[in-house]
PDB file of N, CA and C in Angstrom:
ATOM      1  N   MET A   1       0.859   8.677   2.739  1.00  0.00           N
ATOM      2  CA  MET A   1       0.657   7.270   3.027  1.00  0.00           C
ATOM      3  C   MET A   1      -0.635   7.072   3.807  1.00  0.00           C
ATOM      4  N   ARG A   2      -0.915   7.955   4.718  1.00  0.00           N
ATOM      5  CA  ARG A   2      -2.117   7.812   5.530  1.00  0.00           C
ATOM      6  C   ARG A   2      -3.374   7.865   4.665  1.00  0.00           C
ATOM      7  N   GLU A   3      -3.386   8.768   3.699  1.00  0.00           N
ATOM      8  CA  GLU A   3      -4.560   8.895   2.835  1.00  0.00           C
ATOM      9  C   GLU A   3      -4.785   7.625   2.018  1.00  0.00           C
ATOM     10  N   VAL A   4      -3.717   7.026   1.524  1.00  0.00           N
ATOM     11  CA  VAL A   4      -3.853   5.773   0.771  1.00  0.00           C
ATOM     12  C   VAL A   4      -4.372   4.683   1.705  1.00  0.00           C
ATOM     13  N   GLY A   5      -3.848   4.616   2.924  1.00  0.00           N
ATOM     14  CA  GLY A   5      -4.347   3.660   3.907  1.00  0.00           C
ATOM     15  C   GLY A   5      -5.823   3.866   4.188  1.00  0.00           C
ATOM     16  N   ASP A   6      -6.227   5.143   4.307  1.00  0.00           N
ATOM     17  CA  ASP A   6      -7.649   5.451   4.518  1.00  0.00           C
ATOM     18  C   ASP A   6      -8.496   4.902   3.377  1.00  0.00           C
ATOM     19  N   ARG A   7      -8.038   5.123   2.151  1.00  0.00           N
ATOM     20  CA  ARG A   7      -8.814   4.702   0.991  1.00  0.00           C
ATOM     21  C   ARG A   7      -8.796   3.191   0.789  1.00  0.00           C
ATOM     22  N   LEU A   8      -7.825   2.506   1.377  1.00  0.00           N
ATOM     23  CA  LEU A   8      -7.764   1.045   1.256  1.00  0.00           C
ATOM     24  C   LEU A   8      -8.477   0.334   2.404  1.00  0.00           C
ATOM     25  N   GLN A   9      -9.039   1.100   3.319  1.00  0.00           N
ATOM     26  CA  GLN A   9      -9.791   0.524   4.436  1.00  0.00           C
ATOM     27  C   GLN A   9     -10.921  -0.341   3.879  1.00  0.00           C
ATOM     28  N   GLY A  10     -10.914  -1.624   4.220  1.00  0.00           N
ATOM     29  CA  GLY A  10     -11.941  -2.545   3.762  1.00  0.00           C
ATOM     30  C   GLY A  10     -11.746  -3.071   2.351  1.00  0.00           C
ATOM     31  N   VAL A  11     -10.650  -2.691   1.698  1.00  0.00           N
ATOM     32  CA  VAL A  11     -10.408  -3.101   0.315  1.00  0.00           C
ATOM     33  C   VAL A  11      -9.513  -4.337   0.244  1.00  0.00           C
ATOM     34  N   LEU A  12      -8.556  -4.449   1.143  1.00  0.00           N
ATOM     35  CA  LEU A  12      -7.595  -5.555   1.094  1.00  0.00           C
ATOM     36  C   LEU A  12      -8.287  -6.880   1.335  1.00  0.00           C
ATOM     37  N   GLY A  13      -7.890  -7.865   0.571  1.00  0.00           N
ATOM     38  CA  GLY A  13      -8.496  -9.188   0.667  1.00  0.00           C
ATOM     39  C   GLY A  13      -8.210  -9.871   1.995  1.00  0.00           C
ATOM     40  N   ALA A  14      -9.032 -10.837   2.325  1.00  0.00           N
ATOM     41  CA  ALA A  14      -8.869 -11.601   3.560  1.00  0.00           C
ATOM     42  C   ALA A  14      -7.566 -12.392   3.526  1.00  0.00           C
ATOM     43  N   ASP A  15      -7.019 -12.617   4.698  1.00  0.00           N
ATOM     44  CA  ASP A  15      -5.769 -13.359   4.830  1.00  0.00           C
ATOM     45  C   ASP A  15      -5.846 -14.149   6.131  1.00  0.00           C
ATOM     46  N   VAL A  16      -5.539 -15.445   6.078  1.00  0.00           N
ATOM     47  CA  VAL A  16      -5.622 -16.286   7.278  1.00  0.00           C
ATOM     48  C   VAL A  16      -4.686 -15.808   8.377  1.00  0.00           C
ATOM     49  N   ARG A  17      -3.639 -15.085   8.023  1.00  0.00           N
ATOM     50  CA  ARG A  17      -2.706 -14.566   9.029  1.00  0.00           C
ATOM     51  C   ARG A  17      -3.271 -13.353   9.758  1.00  0.00           C
ATOM     52  N   HIS A  18      -4.402 -12.836   9.270  1.00  0.00           N
ATOM     53  CA  HIS A  18      -5.018 -11.646   9.869  1.00  0.00           C
ATOM     54  C   HIS A  18      -6.506 -11.915  10.110  1.00  0.00           C
ATOM     55  N   PRO A  19      -6.826 -12.732  11.110  1.00  0.00           N
ATOM     56  CA  PRO A  19      -8.221 -13.134  11.323  1.00  0.00           C
ATOM     57  C   PRO A  19      -9.158 -11.980  11.670  1.00  0.00           C
ATOM     58  N   ARG A  20      -8.638 -10.891  12.194  1.00  0.00           N
ATOM     59  CA  ARG A  20      -9.487  -9.744  12.532  1.00  0.00           C
ATOM     60  C   ARG A  20      -9.469  -8.681  11.444  1.00  0.00           C
ATOM     61  N   GLY A  21      -8.938  -9.010  10.299  1.00  0.00           N
ATOM     62  CA  GLY A  21      -8.878  -8.073   9.184  1.00  0.00           C
ATOM     63  C   GLY A  21      -7.480  -7.499   9.008  1.00  0.00           C
ATOM     64  N   ARG A  22      -7.221  -7.030   7.809  1.00  0.00           N
ATOM     65  CA  ARG A  22      -5.900  -6.504   7.473  1.00  0.00           C
ATOM     66  C   ARG A  22      -5.814  -5.020   7.777  1.00  0.00           C
ATOM     67  N   ASN A  23      -4.630  -4.585   8.156  1.00  0.00           N
ATOM     68  CA  ASN A  23      -4.362  -3.190   8.467  1.00  0.00           C
ATOM     69  C   ASN A  23      -3.809  -2.523   7.204  1.00  0.00           C
ATOM     70  N   PRO A  24      -4.597  -1.659   6.562  1.00  0.00           N
ATOM     71  CA  PRO A  24      -4.132  -1.061   5.312  1.00  0.00           C
ATOM     72  C   PRO A  24      -2.931  -0.132   5.495  1.00  0.00           C
ATOM     73  N   TYR A  25      -2.799   0.471   6.662  1.00  0.00           N
ATOM     74  CA  TYR A  25      -1.671   1.373   6.920  1.00  0.00           C
ATOM     75  C   TYR A  25      -0.362   0.583   7.002  1.00  0.00           C
ATOM     76  N   ALA A  26      -0.413  -0.548   7.691  1.00  0.00           N
ATOM     77  CA  ALA A  26       0.764  -1.417   7.776  1.00  0.00           C
ATOM     78  C   ALA A  26       1.092  -2.000   6.406  1.00  0.00           C
ATOM     79  N   HIS A  27       0.064  -2.312   5.632  1.00  0.00           N
ATOM     80  CA  HIS A  27       0.276  -2.852   4.288  1.00  0.00           C
ATOM     81  C   HIS A  27       1.006  -1.835   3.405  1.00  0.00           C
ATOM     82  N   VAL A  28       0.531  -0.600   3.423  1.00  0.00           N
ATOM     83  CA  VAL A  28       1.153   0.451   2.615  1.00  0.00           C
ATOM     84  C   VAL A  28       2.595   0.664   3.063  1.00  0.00           C
ATOM     85  N   ALA A  29       2.826   0.756   4.369  1.00  0.00           N
ATOM     86  CA  ALA A  29       4.183   0.955   4.877  1.00  0.00           C
ATOM     87  C   ALA A  29       5.100  -0.201   4.478  1.00  0.00           C
ATOM     88  N   GLY A  30       4.590  -1.423   4.566  1.00  0.00           N
ATOM     89  CA  GLY A  30       5.379  -2.590   4.171  1.00  0.00           C
ATOM     90  C   GLY A  30       5.703  -2.596   2.692  1.00  0.00           C
ATOM     91  N   CYS A  31       4.747  -2.199   1.869  1.00  0.00           N
ATOM     92  CA  CYS A  31       4.983  -2.142   0.422  1.00  0.00           C
ATOM     93  C   CYS A  31       6.031  -1.089   0.081  1.00  0.00           C
ATOM     94  N   VAL A  32       5.961   0.057   0.745  1.00  0.00           N
ATOM     95  CA  VAL A  32       6.958   1.112   0.516  1.00  0.00           C
ATOM     96  C   VAL A  32       8.341   0.605   0.916  1.00  0.00           C
ATOM     97  N   LYS A  33       8.421  -0.047   2.059  1.00  0.00           N
ATOM     98  CA  LYS A  33       9.718  -0.559   2.519  1.00  0.00           C
ATOM     99  C   LYS A  33      10.267  -1.605   1.552  1.00  0.00           C
ATOM    100  N   GLU A  34       9.394  -2.464   1.060  1.00  0.00           N
ATOM    101  CA  GLU A  34       9.831  -3.491   0.102  1.00  0.00           C
ATOM    102  C   GLU A  34      10.306  -2.858  -1.206  1.00  0.00           C
ATOM    103  N   LYS A  35       9.556  -1.877  -1.699  1.00  0.00           N
ATOM    104  CA  LYS A  35       9.869  -1.238  -2.983  1.00  0.00           C
ATOM    105  C   LYS A  35      11.158  -0.410  -2.918  1.00  0.00           C
ATOM    106  N   PHE A  36      11.316   0.371  -1.841  1.00  0.00           N
ATOM    107  CA  PHE A  36      12.425   1.328  -1.774  1.00  0.00           C
ATOM    108  C   PHE A  36      13.583   0.882  -0.885  1.00  0.00           C
ATOM    109  N   GLY A  37      13.425  -0.234  -0.184  1.00  0.00           N
ATOM    110  CA  GLY A  37      14.515  -0.770   0.618  1.00  0.00           C
ATOM    111  C   GLY A  37      14.730  -0.061   1.947  1.00  0.00           C
ATOM    112  N   CYS A  38      13.796   0.811   2.321  1.00  0.00           N
ATOM    113  CA  CYS A  38      13.877   1.489   3.613  1.00  0.00           C
ATOM    114  C   CYS A  38      12.495   2.017   3.960  1.00  0.00           C
ATOM    115  N   SER A  39      12.334   2.415   5.210  1.00  0.00           N
ATOM    116  CA  SER A  39      11.024   2.916   5.628  1.00  0.00           C
ATOM    117  C   SER A  39      10.756   4.281   5.017  1.00  0.00           C
ATOM    118  N   TYR A  40       9.498   4.664   5.027  1.00  0.00           N
ATOM    119  CA  TYR A  40       9.073   5.955   4.485  1.00  0.00           C
ATOM    120  C   TYR A  40       9.845   7.101   5.137  1.00  0.00           C
ATOM    121  N   GLY A  41      10.039   7.038   6.444  1.00  0.00           N
ATOM    122  CA  GLY A  41      10.743   8.088   7.172  1.00  0.00           C
ATOM    123  C   GLY A  41      12.217   8.194   6.816  1.00  0.00           C
ATOM    124  N   GLU A  42      12.793   7.130   6.316  1.00  0.00           N
ATOM    125  CA  GLU A  42      14.210   7.115   5.957  1.00  0.00           C
ATOM    126  C   GLU A  42      14.473   7.582   4.528  1.00  0.00           C
ATOM    127  N   LEU A  43      13.407   7.712   3.731  1.00  0.00           N
ATOM    128  CA  LEU A  43      13.585   8.116   2.335  1.00  0.00           C
ATOM    129  C   LEU A  43      13.983   9.585   2.251  1.00  0.00           C
ATOM    130  N   PRO A  44      14.920   9.909   1.385  1.00  0.00           N
ATOM    131  CA  PRO A  44      15.301  11.319   1.227  1.00  0.00           C
ATOM    132  C   PRO A  44      14.175  12.123   0.570  1.00  0.00           C
ATOM    133  N   ASP A  45      14.087  13.380   0.923  1.00  0.00           N
ATOM    134  CA  ASP A  45      13.038  14.269   0.405  1.00  0.00           C
ATOM    135  C   ASP A  45      13.025  14.325  -1.117  1.00  0.00           C
ATOM    136  N   GLU A  46      14.150  14.138  -1.745  1.00  0.00           N
ATOM    137  CA  GLU A  46      14.240  14.208  -3.207  1.00  0.00           C
ATOM    138  C   GLU A  46      13.402  13.132  -3.889  1.00  0.00           C
ATOM    139  N   ARG A  47      13.025  12.097  -3.164  1.00  0.00           N
ATOM    140  CA  ARG A  47      12.290  10.978  -3.770  1.00  0.00           C
ATOM    141  C   ARG A  47      10.772  11.091  -3.568  1.00  0.00           C
ATOM    142  N   VAL A  48      10.311  12.226  -3.051  1.00  0.00           N
ATOM    143  CA  VAL A  48       8.889  12.371  -2.737  1.00  0.00           C
ATOM    144  C   VAL A  48       8.005  12.148  -3.963  1.00  0.00           C
ATOM    145  N   GLY A  49       8.385  12.654  -5.108  1.00  0.00           N
ATOM    146  CA  GLY A  49       7.594  12.466  -6.326  1.00  0.00           C
ATOM    147  C   GLY A  49       7.507  11.006  -6.713  1.00  0.00           C
ATOM    148  N   GLU A  50       8.618  10.324  -6.621  1.00  0.00           N
ATOM    149  CA  GLU A  50       8.665   8.887  -6.943  1.00  0.00           C
ATOM    150  C   GLU A  50       7.782   8.089  -5.983  1.00  0.00           C
ATOM    151  N   VAL A  51       7.822   8.444  -4.705  1.00  0.00           N
ATOM    152  CA  VAL A  51       7.005   7.758  -3.703  1.00  0.00           C
ATOM    153  C   VAL A  51       5.526   8.029  -3.961  1.00  0.00           C
ATOM    154  N   ARG A  52       5.174   9.258  -4.275  1.00  0.00           N
ATOM    155  CA  ARG A  52       3.774   9.588  -4.563  1.00  0.00           C
ATOM    156  C   ARG A  52       3.256   8.795  -5.754  1.00  0.00           C
ATOM    157  N   ARG A  53       4.062   8.710  -6.806  1.00  0.00           N
ATOM    158  CA  ARG A  53       3.648   7.935  -7.977  1.00  0.00           C
ATOM    159  C   ARG A  53       3.441   6.468  -7.608  1.00  0.00           C
ATOM    160  N   TYR A  54       4.347   5.937  -6.814  1.00  0.00           N
ATOM    161  CA  TYR A  54       4.221   4.538  -6.396  1.00  0.00           C
ATOM    162  C   TYR A  54       2.954   4.323  -5.572  1.00  0.00           C
ATOM    163  N   LEU A  55       2.638   5.245  -4.666  1.00  0.00           N
ATOM    164  CA  LEU A  55       1.451   5.102  -3.831  1.00  0.00           C
ATOM    165  C   LEU A  55       0.178   5.122  -4.671  1.00  0.00           C
ATOM    166  N   ILE A  56       0.150   5.949  -5.699  1.00  0.00           N
ATOM    167  CA  ILE A  56      -1.002   5.991  -6.611  1.00  0.00           C
ATOM    168  C   ILE A  56      -1.138   4.648  -7.323  1.00  0.00           C
ATOM    169  N   GLU A  57      -0.026   4.120  -7.799  1.00  0.00           N
ATOM    170  CA  GLU A  57      -0.037   2.819  -8.477  1.00  0.00           C
ATOM    171  C   GLU A  57      -0.462   1.702  -7.526  1.00  0.00           C
ATOM    172  N   LEU A  58       0.057   1.738  -6.307  1.00  0.00           N
ATOM    173  CA  LEU A  58      -0.270   0.720  -5.315  1.00  0.00           C
ATOM    174  C   LEU A  58      -1.760   0.723  -5.010  1.00  0.00           C
ATOM    175  N   GLU A  59      -2.322   1.906  -4.797  1.00  0.00           N
ATOM    176  CA  GLU A  59      -3.753   2.006  -4.516  1.00  0.00           C
ATOM    177  C   GLU A  59      -4.582   1.441  -5.673  1.00  0.00           C
ATOM    178  N   ALA A  60      -4.229   1.822  -6.890  1.00  0.00           N
ATOM    179  CA  ALA A  60      -4.962   1.336  -8.058  1.00  0.00           C
ATOM    180  C   ALA A  60      -4.851  -0.182  -8.174  1.00  0.00           C
ATOM    181  N   GLU A  61      -3.672  -0.710  -7.933  1.00  0.00           N
ATOM    182  CA  GLU A  61      -3.459  -2.156  -8.022  1.00  0.00           C
ATOM    183  C   GLU A  61      -4.295  -2.900  -6.984  1.00  0.00           C
ATOM    184  N   GLU A  62      -4.299  -2.403  -5.767  1.00  0.00           N
ATOM    185  CA  GLU A  62      -5.063  -3.076  -4.695  1.00  0.00           C
ATOM    186  C   GLU A  62      -6.557  -3.005  -4.974  1.00  0.00           C
ATOM    187  N   LYS A  63      -7.044  -1.876  -5.468  1.00  0.00           N
ATOM    188  CA  LYS A  63      -8.465  -1.759  -5.784  1.00  0.00           C
ATOM    189  C   LYS A  63      -8.843  -2.644  -6.961  1.00  0.00           C
ATOM    190  N   SER A  64      -7.957  -2.758  -7.940  1.00  0.00           N
ATOM    191  CA  SER A  64      -8.197  -3.635  -9.081  1.00  0.00           C
ATOM    192  C   SER A  64      -8.242  -5.094  -8.623  1.00  0.00           C
ATOM    193  N   ARG A  65      -7.318  -5.456  -7.760  1.00  0.00           N
ATOM    194  CA  ARG A  65      -7.271  -6.827  -7.236  1.00  0.00           C
ATOM    195  C   ARG A  65      -8.554  -7.129  -6.464  1.00  0.00           C
ATOM    196  N   ALA A  66      -9.028  -6.185  -5.662  1.00  0.00           N
ATOM    197  CA  ALA A  66     -10.244  -6.392  -4.871  1.00  0.00           C
ATOM    198  C   ALA A  66     -11.482  -6.512  -5.765  1.00  0.00           C
ATOM    199  N   ALA A  67     -11.440  -5.824  -6.908  1.00  0.00           N
ATOM    200  CA  ALA A  67     -12.568  -5.875  -7.833  1.00  0.00           C
ATOM    201  C   ALA A  67     -12.512  -7.101  -8.740  1.00  0.00           C
ATOM    202  N   GLY A  68     -11.481  -7.926  -8.555  1.00  0.00           N
ATOM    203  CA  GLY A  68     -11.361  -9.127  -9.364  1.00  0.00           C
ATOM    204  C   GLY A  68     -10.488  -8.961 -10.578  1.00  0.00           C
ATOM    205  N   GLY A  69      -9.772  -7.839 -10.648  1.00  0.00           N
ATOM    206  CA  GLY A  69      -8.917  -7.570 -11.804  1.00  0.00           C
ATOM    207  C   GLY A  69      -7.552  -8.231 -11.728  1.00  0.00           C
ATOM    208  N   GLY A  70      -7.230  -8.848 -10.620  1.00  0.00           N
ATOM    209  CA  GLY A  70      -5.938  -9.548 -10.491  1.00  0.00           C
ATOM    210  C   GLY A  70      -4.846  -8.625 -10.025  1.00  0.00           C
ATOM    211  N   GLY A  71      -4.436  -7.661 -10.827  1.00  0.00           N
ATOM    212  CA  GLY A  71      -3.419  -6.701 -10.450  1.00  0.00           C
ATOM    213  C   GLY A  71      -2.017  -7.225 -10.425  1.00  0.00           C
ATOM    214  N   ASP A  72      -1.805  -8.479 -10.830  1.00  0.00           N
ATOM    215  CA  ASP A  72      -0.437  -9.041 -10.796  1.00  0.00           C
ATOM    216  C   ASP A  72       0.295  -8.853 -12.085  1.00  0.00           C
TER     217      ASP A  72
END
């Protein structure tokens, strides 16, 4: 998760709720919690592959959205 947050630094679009910029680490953690219904630390080890695939997809989607690709 940290590596995806690192790579999303400066990529997330502006948001009026975050006047000093968005926190990519919090964004990734929130997306994982929304997708899997629990925090990253609460996920069982058996789901690591599924989580990794999701993080790759999430990163690609956010970068596509930032480049004007929409991603929705």
